[in-house]
Amino acid sequence: MLVMAKAPRAGLVKTRLHPLLGPQGCAHLQTGLIRRTVLVAQLVAPTRTYLALDSVDSPGSWSGWYPPASRSCPSRVRISAAG
């Protein structure tokens, strides 16, 4: 199971909620949403859950906040839909 998400960086995620939550609050919300999504994915595929972030940082730099048993994977791959 692959979960693809925007890395939770203040000022770059959930921007429409900035007036209500502020940039840090939006980053915190994004972190919680990713964690929950990964946990649900782990129910479906407990040993095969991967997390891909749109981060230019190394995948290991986010390893402290996503749930155990999930794996990060390189996200420098462009995915496009055939139209």
PDB file of N, CA and C in Angstrom:
ATOM      1  N   MET A   1       0.862  -1.164   0.000  1.00  0.00           N
ATOM      2  CA  MET A   1       0.000   0.000   0.000  1.00  0.00           C
ATOM      3  C   MET A   1       0.909   1.226   0.000  1.00  0.00           C
ATOM      4  N   LEU A   2       0.691   2.113  -0.943  1.00  0.00           N
ATOM      5  CA  LEU A   2       1.476   3.331  -1.046  1.00  0.00           C
ATOM      6  C   LEU A   2       0.625   4.521  -0.651  1.00  0.00           C
ATOM      7  N   VAL A   3       1.095   5.280   0.321  1.00  0.00           N
ATOM      8  CA  VAL A   3       0.447   6.523   0.735  1.00  0.00           C
ATOM      9  C   VAL A   3       1.322   7.653   0.214  1.00  0.00           C
ATOM     10  N   MET A   4       0.743   8.514  -0.609  1.00  0.00           N
ATOM     11  CA  MET A   4       1.471   9.659  -1.143  1.00  0.00           C
ATOM     12  C   MET A   4       0.911  10.919  -0.496  1.00  0.00           C
ATOM     13  N   ALA A   5       1.805  11.777  -0.008  1.00  0.00           N
ATOM     14  CA  ALA A   5       1.339  12.969   0.698  1.00  0.00           C
ATOM     15  C   ALA A   5       2.324  14.111   0.551  1.00  0.00           C
ATOM     16  N   LYS A   6       1.830  15.294   0.804  1.00  0.00           N
ATOM     17  CA  LYS A   6       2.668  16.476   0.865  1.00  0.00           C
ATOM     18  C   LYS A   6       3.342  16.504   2.238  1.00  0.00           C
ATOM     19  N   ALA A   7       4.638  16.721   2.255  1.00  0.00           N
ATOM     20  CA  ALA A   7       5.365  16.786   3.528  1.00  0.00           C
ATOM     21  C   ALA A   7       4.804  17.926   4.377  1.00  0.00           C
ATOM     22  N   PRO A   8       4.662  17.712   5.681  1.00  0.00           N
ATOM     23  CA  PRO A   8       4.032  18.714   6.554  1.00  0.00           C
ATOM     24  C   PRO A   8       4.965  19.880   6.904  1.00  0.00           C
ATOM     25  N   ARG A   9       5.139  20.790   5.966  1.00  0.00           N
ATOM     26  CA  ARG A   9       5.984  21.960   6.180  1.00  0.00           C
ATOM     27  C   ARG A   9       5.106  23.183   6.400  1.00  0.00           C
ATOM     28  N   ALA A  10       5.384  23.899   7.470  1.00  0.00           N
ATOM     29  CA  ALA A  10       4.612  25.110   7.796  1.00  0.00           C
ATOM     30  C   ALA A  10       4.669  26.095   6.629  1.00  0.00           C
ATOM     31  N   GLY A  11       3.512  26.617   6.284  1.00  0.00           N
ATOM     32  CA  GLY A  11       3.414  27.585   5.209  1.00  0.00           C
ATOM     33  C   GLY A  11       3.189  26.978   3.836  1.00  0.00           C
ATOM     34  N   LEU A  12       3.317  25.650   3.715  1.00  0.00           N
ATOM     35  CA  LEU A  12       3.174  25.010   2.413  1.00  0.00           C
ATOM     36  C   LEU A  12       2.030  24.003   2.339  1.00  0.00           C
ATOM     37  N   VAL A  13       1.403  23.698   3.453  1.00  0.00           N
ATOM     38  CA  VAL A  13       0.306  22.725   3.447  1.00  0.00           C
ATOM     39  C   VAL A  13      -0.948  23.345   4.056  1.00  0.00           C
ATOM     40  N   LYS A  14      -2.094  22.878   3.578  1.00  0.00           N
ATOM     41  CA  LYS A  14      -3.396  23.324   4.100  1.00  0.00           C
ATOM     42  C   LYS A  14      -3.498  24.849   4.160  1.00  0.00           C
ATOM     43  N   THR A  15      -3.047  25.515   3.101  1.00  0.00           N
ATOM     44  CA  THR A  15      -2.944  26.978   3.115  1.00  0.00           C
ATOM     45  C   THR A  15      -4.295  27.679   3.258  1.00  0.00           C
ATOM     46  N   ARG A  16      -5.360  27.044   2.830  1.00  0.00           N
ATOM     47  CA  ARG A  16      -6.679  27.683   2.986  1.00  0.00           C
ATOM     48  C   ARG A  16      -7.114  27.742   4.446  1.00  0.00           C
ATOM     49  N   LEU A  17      -6.482  26.934   5.285  1.00  0.00           N
ATOM     50  CA  LEU A  17      -6.812  26.945   6.714  1.00  0.00           C
ATOM     51  C   LEU A  17      -5.888  27.844   7.521  1.00  0.00           C
ATOM     52  N   HIS A  18      -4.925  28.516   6.867  1.00  0.00           N
ATOM     53  CA  HIS A  18      -3.999  29.391   7.597  1.00  0.00           C
ATOM     54  C   HIS A  18      -4.704  30.447   8.441  1.00  0.00           C
ATOM     55  N   PRO A  19      -5.760  31.105   7.937  1.00  0.00           N
ATOM     56  CA  PRO A  19      -6.417  32.111   8.774  1.00  0.00           C
ATOM     57  C   PRO A  19      -6.986  31.527  10.077  1.00  0.00           C
ATOM     58  N   LEU A  20      -7.391  30.282  10.028  1.00  0.00           N
ATOM     59  CA  LEU A  20      -7.992  29.639  11.193  1.00  0.00           C
ATOM     60  C   LEU A  20      -6.948  29.001  12.110  1.00  0.00           C
ATOM     61  N   LEU A  21      -5.982  28.280  11.527  1.00  0.00           N
ATOM     62  CA  LEU A  21      -5.033  27.492  12.322  1.00  0.00           C
ATOM     63  C   LEU A  21      -3.625  28.065  12.359  1.00  0.00           C
ATOM     64  N   GLY A  22      -3.282  28.918  11.419  1.00  0.00           N
ATOM     65  CA  GLY A  22      -1.917  29.403  11.290  1.00  0.00           C
ATOM     66  C   GLY A  22      -1.057  28.359  10.591  1.00  0.00           C
ATOM     67  N   PRO A  23       0.094  28.774  10.056  1.00  0.00           N
ATOM     68  CA  PRO A  23       0.952  27.839   9.318  1.00  0.00           C
ATOM     69  C   PRO A  23       1.420  26.644  10.148  1.00  0.00           C
ATOM     70  N   GLN A  24       1.809  26.862  11.393  1.00  0.00           N
ATOM     71  CA  GLN A  24       2.263  25.756  12.242  1.00  0.00           C
ATOM     72  C   GLN A  24       1.115  24.793  12.548  1.00  0.00           C
ATOM     73  N   GLY A  25      -0.059  25.329  12.813  1.00  0.00           N
ATOM     74  CA  GLY A  25      -1.217  24.488  13.078  1.00  0.00           C
ATOM     75  C   GLY A  25      -1.586  23.640  11.874  1.00  0.00           C
ATOM     76  N   CYS A  26      -1.450  24.219  10.685  1.00  0.00           N
ATOM     77  CA  CYS A  26      -1.738  23.466   9.461  1.00  0.00           C
ATOM     78  C   CYS A  26      -0.724  22.344   9.251  1.00  0.00           C
ATOM     79  N   ALA A  27       0.541  22.608   9.552  1.00  0.00           N
ATOM     80  CA  ALA A  27       1.563  21.569   9.439  1.00  0.00           C
ATOM     81  C   ALA A  27       1.284  20.448  10.438  1.00  0.00           C
ATOM     82  N   HIS A  28       0.857  20.826  11.628  1.00  0.00           N
ATOM     83  CA  HIS A  28       0.516  19.828  12.651  1.00  0.00           C
ATOM     84  C   HIS A  28      -0.684  18.990  12.192  1.00  0.00           C
ATOM     85  N   LEU A  29      -1.688  19.648  11.625  1.00  0.00           N
ATOM     86  CA  LEU A  29      -2.853  18.930  11.097  1.00  0.00           C
ATOM     87  C   LEU A  29      -2.434  17.958   9.995  1.00  0.00           C
ATOM     88  N   GLN A  30      -1.573  18.400   9.074  1.00  0.00           N
ATOM     89  CA  GLN A  30      -1.105  17.541   7.994  1.00  0.00           C
ATOM     90  C   GLN A  30      -0.381  16.317   8.555  1.00  0.00           C
ATOM     91  N   THR A  31       0.440  16.519   9.577  1.00  0.00           N
ATOM     92  CA  THR A  31       1.146  15.402  10.211  1.00  0.00           C
ATOM     93  C   THR A  31       0.143  14.388  10.760  1.00  0.00           C
ATOM     94  N   GLY A  32      -0.875  14.870  11.460  1.00  0.00           N
ATOM     95  CA  GLY A  32      -1.890  13.973  12.014  1.00  0.00           C
ATOM     96  C   GLY A  32      -2.661  13.222  10.942  1.00  0.00           C
ATOM     97  N   LEU A  33      -2.979  13.909   9.846  1.00  0.00           N
ATOM     98  CA  LEU A  33      -3.709  13.260   8.761  1.00  0.00           C
ATOM     99  C   LEU A  33      -2.861  12.170   8.095  1.00  0.00           C
ATOM    100  N   ILE A  34      -1.581  12.441   7.922  1.00  0.00           N
ATOM    101  CA  ILE A  34      -0.701  11.434   7.323  1.00  0.00           C
ATOM    102  C   ILE A  34      -0.564  10.242   8.254  1.00  0.00           C
ATOM    103  N   ARG A  35      -0.358  10.507   9.532  1.00  0.00           N
ATOM    104  CA  ARG A  35      -0.235   9.400  10.494  1.00  0.00           C
ATOM    105  C   ARG A  35      -1.467   8.515  10.469  1.00  0.00           C
ATOM    106  N   ARG A  36      -2.626   9.129  10.496  1.00  0.00           N
ATOM    107  CA  ARG A  36      -3.871   8.351  10.504  1.00  0.00           C
ATOM    108  C   ARG A  36      -4.035   7.558   9.212  1.00  0.00           C
ATOM    109  N   THR A  37      -3.726   8.168   8.095  1.00  0.00           N
ATOM    110  CA  THR A  37      -3.836   7.482   6.810  1.00  0.00           C
ATOM    111  C   THR A  37      -2.895   6.285   6.752  1.00  0.00           C
ATOM    112  N   VAL A  38      -1.672   6.456   7.233  1.00  0.00           N
ATOM    113  CA  VAL A  38      -0.712   5.349   7.228  1.00  0.00           C
ATOM    114  C   VAL A  38      -1.186   4.236   8.163  1.00  0.00           C
ATOM    115  N   LEU A  39      -1.725   4.598   9.305  1.00  0.00           N
ATOM    116  CA  LEU A  39      -2.230   3.575  10.228  1.00  0.00           C
ATOM    117  C   LEU A  39      -3.366   2.767   9.594  1.00  0.00           C
ATOM    118  N   VAL A  40      -4.270   3.438   8.893  1.00  0.00           N
ATOM    119  CA  VAL A  40      -5.361   2.736   8.210  1.00  0.00           C
ATOM    120  C   VAL A  40      -4.791   1.853   7.096  1.00  0.00           C
ATOM    121  N   ALA A  41      -3.805   2.358   6.359  1.00  0.00           N
ATOM    122  CA  ALA A  41      -3.180   1.552   5.302  1.00  0.00           C
ATOM    123  C   ALA A  41      -2.528   0.311   5.895  1.00  0.00           C
ATOM    124  N   GLN A  42      -1.968   0.432   7.082  1.00  0.00           N
ATOM    125  CA  GLN A  42      -1.340  -0.717   7.728  1.00  0.00           C
ATOM    126  C   GLN A  42      -2.349  -1.786   8.115  1.00  0.00           C
ATOM    127  N   LEU A  43      -3.603  -1.414   8.310  1.00  0.00           N
ATOM    128  CA  LEU A  43      -4.641  -2.412   8.573  1.00  0.00           C
ATOM    129  C   LEU A  43      -4.895  -3.258   7.329  1.00  0.00           C
ATOM    130  N   VAL A  44      -4.762  -2.635   6.171  1.00  0.00           N
ATOM    131  CA  VAL A  44      -4.989  -3.326   4.913  1.00  0.00           C
ATOM    132  C   VAL A  44      -3.759  -4.132   4.493  1.00  0.00           C
ATOM    133  N   ALA A  45      -2.588  -3.524   4.645  1.00  0.00           N
ATOM    134  CA  ALA A  45      -1.338  -4.169   4.208  1.00  0.00           C
ATOM    135  C   ALA A  45      -0.288  -4.006   5.306  1.00  0.00           C
ATOM    136  N   PRO A  46      -0.385  -4.796   6.385  1.00  0.00           N
ATOM    137  CA  PRO A  46       0.457  -4.592   7.552  1.00  0.00           C
ATOM    138  C   PRO A  46       1.965  -4.650   7.306  1.00  0.00           C
ATOM    139  N   THR A  47       2.400  -5.433   6.365  1.00  0.00           N
ATOM    140  CA  THR A  47       3.848  -5.547   6.148  1.00  0.00           C
ATOM    141  C   THR A  47       4.305  -4.859   4.868  1.00  0.00           C
ATOM    142  N   ARG A  48       3.365  -4.244   4.162  1.00  0.00           N
ATOM    143  CA  ARG A  48       3.718  -3.624   2.886  1.00  0.00           C
ATOM    144  C   ARG A  48       3.148  -2.218   2.768  1.00  0.00           C
ATOM    145  N   THR A  49       3.339  -1.396   3.762  1.00  0.00           N
ATOM    146  CA  THR A  49       2.867  -0.021   3.716  1.00  0.00           C
ATOM    147  C   THR A  49       4.054   0.905   3.501  1.00  0.00           C
ATOM    148  N   TYR A  50       3.937   1.768   2.516  1.00  0.00           N
ATOM    149  CA  TYR A  50       5.006   2.714   2.178  1.00  0.00           C
ATOM    150  C   TYR A  50       4.457   4.129   2.202  1.00  0.00           C
ATOM    151  N   LEU A  51       5.315   5.069   2.557  1.00  0.00           N
ATOM    152  CA  LEU A  51       4.948   6.472   2.594  1.00  0.00           C
ATOM    153  C   LEU A  51       5.885   7.234   1.669  1.00  0.00           C
ATOM    154  N   ALA A  52       5.317   7.962   0.717  1.00  0.00           N
ATOM    155  CA  ALA A  52       6.097   8.809  -0.184  1.00  0.00           C
ATOM    156  C   ALA A  52       5.677  10.252   0.052  1.00  0.00           C
ATOM    157  N   LEU A  53       6.653  11.093   0.363  1.00  0.00           N
ATOM    158  CA  LEU A  53       6.398  12.512   0.579  1.00  0.00           C
ATOM    159  C   LEU A  53       7.002  13.313  -0.562  1.00  0.00           C
ATOM    160  N   ASP A  54       6.462  14.491  -0.803  1.00  0.00           N
ATOM    161  CA  ASP A  54       6.982  15.355  -1.868  1.00  0.00           C
ATOM    162  C   ASP A  54       8.155  16.176  -1.357  1.00  0.00           C
ATOM    163  N   SER A  55       8.985  15.580  -0.562  1.00  0.00           N
ATOM    164  CA  SER A  55      10.050  16.297   0.115  1.00  0.00           C
ATOM    165  C   SER A  55      11.354  16.263  -0.669  1.00  0.00           C
ATOM    166  N   VAL A  56      12.082  17.355  -0.627  1.00  0.00           N
ATOM    167  CA  VAL A  56      13.427  17.357  -1.190  1.00  0.00           C
ATOM    168  C   VAL A  56      14.425  16.878  -0.140  1.00  0.00           C
ATOM    169  N   ASP A  57      13.961  16.771   1.089  1.00  0.00           N
ATOM    170  CA  ASP A  57      14.795  16.241   2.164  1.00  0.00           C
ATOM    171  C   ASP A  57      14.960  14.747   1.971  1.00  0.00           C
ATOM    172  N   SER A  58      15.950  14.180   2.634  1.00  0.00           N
ATOM    173  CA  SER A  58      16.120  12.738   2.542  1.00  0.00           C
ATOM    174  C   SER A  58      14.957  12.049   3.238  1.00  0.00           C
ATOM    175  N   PRO A  59      14.492  10.890   2.721  1.00  0.00           N
ATOM    176  CA  PRO A  59      13.353  10.192   3.325  1.00  0.00           C
ATOM    177  C   PRO A  59      13.557   9.906   4.811  1.00  0.00           C
ATOM    178  N   GLY A  60      14.777   9.642   5.230  1.00  0.00           N
ATOM    179  CA  GLY A  60      15.019   9.326   6.631  1.00  0.00           C
ATOM    180  C   GLY A  60      14.794  10.487   7.575  1.00  0.00           C
ATOM    181  N   SER A  61      14.795  11.714   7.047  1.00  0.00           N
ATOM    182  CA  SER A  61      14.628  12.869   7.927  1.00  0.00           C
ATOM    183  C   SER A  61      13.222  12.955   8.510  1.00  0.00           C
ATOM    184  N   TRP A  62      12.257  12.229   7.938  1.00  0.00           N
ATOM    185  CA  TRP A  62      10.886  12.238   8.436  1.00  0.00           C
ATOM    186  C   TRP A  62      10.581  10.992   9.265  1.00  0.00           C
ATOM    187  N   SER A  63      11.559  10.123   9.450  1.00  0.00           N
ATOM    188  CA  SER A  63      11.286   8.819  10.064  1.00  0.00           C
ATOM    189  C   SER A  63      10.800   8.919  11.503  1.00  0.00           C
ATOM    190  N   GLY A  64      11.008  10.034  12.168  1.00  0.00           N
ATOM    191  CA  GLY A  64      10.592  10.151  13.564  1.00  0.00           C
ATOM    192  C   GLY A  64       9.106  10.348  13.768  1.00  0.00           C
ATOM    193  N   TRP A  65       8.368  10.743  12.737  1.00  0.00           N
ATOM    194  CA  TRP A  65       6.961  11.057  12.990  1.00  0.00           C
ATOM    195  C   TRP A  65       5.979  10.148  12.300  1.00  0.00           C
ATOM    196  N   TYR A  66       6.389   9.302  11.392  1.00  0.00           N
ATOM    197  CA  TYR A  66       5.374   8.415  10.814  1.00  0.00           C
ATOM    198  C   TYR A  66       5.353   7.089  11.560  1.00  0.00           C
ATOM    199  N   PRO A  67       4.227   6.403  11.511  1.00  0.00           N
ATOM    200  CA  PRO A  67       4.025   5.215  12.347  1.00  0.00           C
ATOM    201  C   PRO A  67       5.046   4.105  12.093  1.00  0.00           C
ATOM    202  N   PRO A  68       5.367   3.342  13.135  1.00  0.00           N
ATOM    203  CA  PRO A  68       6.280   2.219  12.963  1.00  0.00           C
ATOM    204  C   PRO A  68       5.705   1.193  11.993  1.00  0.00           C
ATOM    205  N   ALA A  69       6.558   0.428  11.379  1.00  0.00           N
ATOM    206  CA  ALA A  69       6.209  -0.633  10.435  1.00  0.00           C
ATOM    207  C   ALA A  69       5.872  -0.093   9.058  1.00  0.00           C
ATOM    208  N   SER A  70       5.833   1.226   8.892  1.00  0.00           N
ATOM    209  CA  SER A  70       5.696   1.762   7.546  1.00  0.00           C
ATOM    210  C   SER A  70       7.100   2.099   7.068  1.00  0.00           C
ATOM    211  N   ARG A  71       7.266   2.222   5.786  1.00  0.00           N
ATOM    212  CA  ARG A  71       8.583   2.511   5.221  1.00  0.00           C
ATOM    213  C   ARG A  71       8.480   3.762   4.372  1.00  0.00           C
ATOM    214  N   SER A  72       9.518   4.578   4.423  1.00  0.00           N
ATOM    215  CA  SER A  72       9.543   5.710   3.509  1.00  0.00           C
ATOM    216  C   SER A  72      10.151   5.233   2.205  1.00  0.00           C
ATOM    217  N   CYS A  73       9.814   5.897   1.134  1.00  0.00           N
ATOM    218  CA  CYS A  73      10.406   5.541  -0.144  1.00  0.00           C
ATOM    219  C   CYS A  73      10.764   6.826  -0.875  1.00  0.00           C
ATOM    220  N   PRO A  74      11.732   6.745  -1.762  1.00  0.00           N
ATOM    221  CA  PRO A  74      12.139   7.948  -2.499  1.00  0.00           C
ATOM    222  C   PRO A  74      10.945   8.560  -3.207  1.00  0.00           C
ATOM    223  N   SER A  75      10.840   9.878  -3.160  1.00  0.00           N
ATOM    224  CA  SER A  75       9.687  10.526  -3.775  1.00  0.00           C
ATOM    225  C   SER A  75      10.114  11.503  -4.852  1.00  0.00           C
ATOM    226  N   ARG A  76      11.258  11.300  -5.436  1.00  0.00           N
ATOM    227  CA  ARG A  76      11.691  12.171  -6.513  1.00  0.00           C
ATOM    228  C   ARG A  76      11.270  11.630  -7.876  1.00  0.00           C
ATOM    229  N   VAL A  77      10.247  10.843  -7.866  1.00  0.00           N
ATOM    230  CA  VAL A  77       9.718  10.257  -9.096  1.00  0.00           C
ATOM    231  C   VAL A  77       8.497  11.057  -9.509  1.00  0.00           C
ATOM    232  N   ARG A  78       8.441  11.454 -10.746  1.00  0.00           N
ATOM    233  CA  ARG A  78       7.266  12.178 -11.238  1.00  0.00           C
ATOM    234  C   ARG A  78       6.227  11.163 -11.715  1.00  0.00           C
ATOM    235  N   ILE A  79       5.018  11.357 -11.271  1.00  0.00           N
ATOM    236  CA  ILE A  79       3.926  10.486 -11.692  1.00  0.00           C
ATOM    237  C   ILE A  79       2.933  11.355 -12.457  1.00  0.00           C
ATOM    238  N   SER A  80       2.591  10.966 -13.644  1.00  0.00           N
ATOM    239  CA  SER A  80       1.626  11.737 -14.411  1.00  0.00           C
ATOM    240  C   SER A  80       0.548  10.810 -14.931  1.00  0.00           C
ATOM    241  N   ALA A  81      -0.622  11.371 -15.077  1.00  0.00           N
ATOM    242  CA  ALA A  81      -1.754  10.595 -15.598  1.00  0.00           C
ATOM    243  C   ALA A  81      -1.794  10.741 -17.108  1.00  0.00           C
ATOM    244  N   ALA A  82      -2.008   9.631 -17.779  1.00  0.00           N
ATOM    245  CA  ALA A  82      -2.153   9.690 -19.237  1.00  0.00           C
ATOM    246  C   ALA A  82      -3.517  10.272 -19.554  1.00  0.00           C
ATOM    247  N   GLY A  83      -3.565  11.167 -20.494  1.00  0.00           N
ATOM    248  CA  GLY A  83      -4.806  11.830 -20.706  1.00  0.00           C
ATOM    249  C   GLY A  83      -5.438  11.577 -21.990  1.00  0.00           C
TER     250      GLY A  83
END
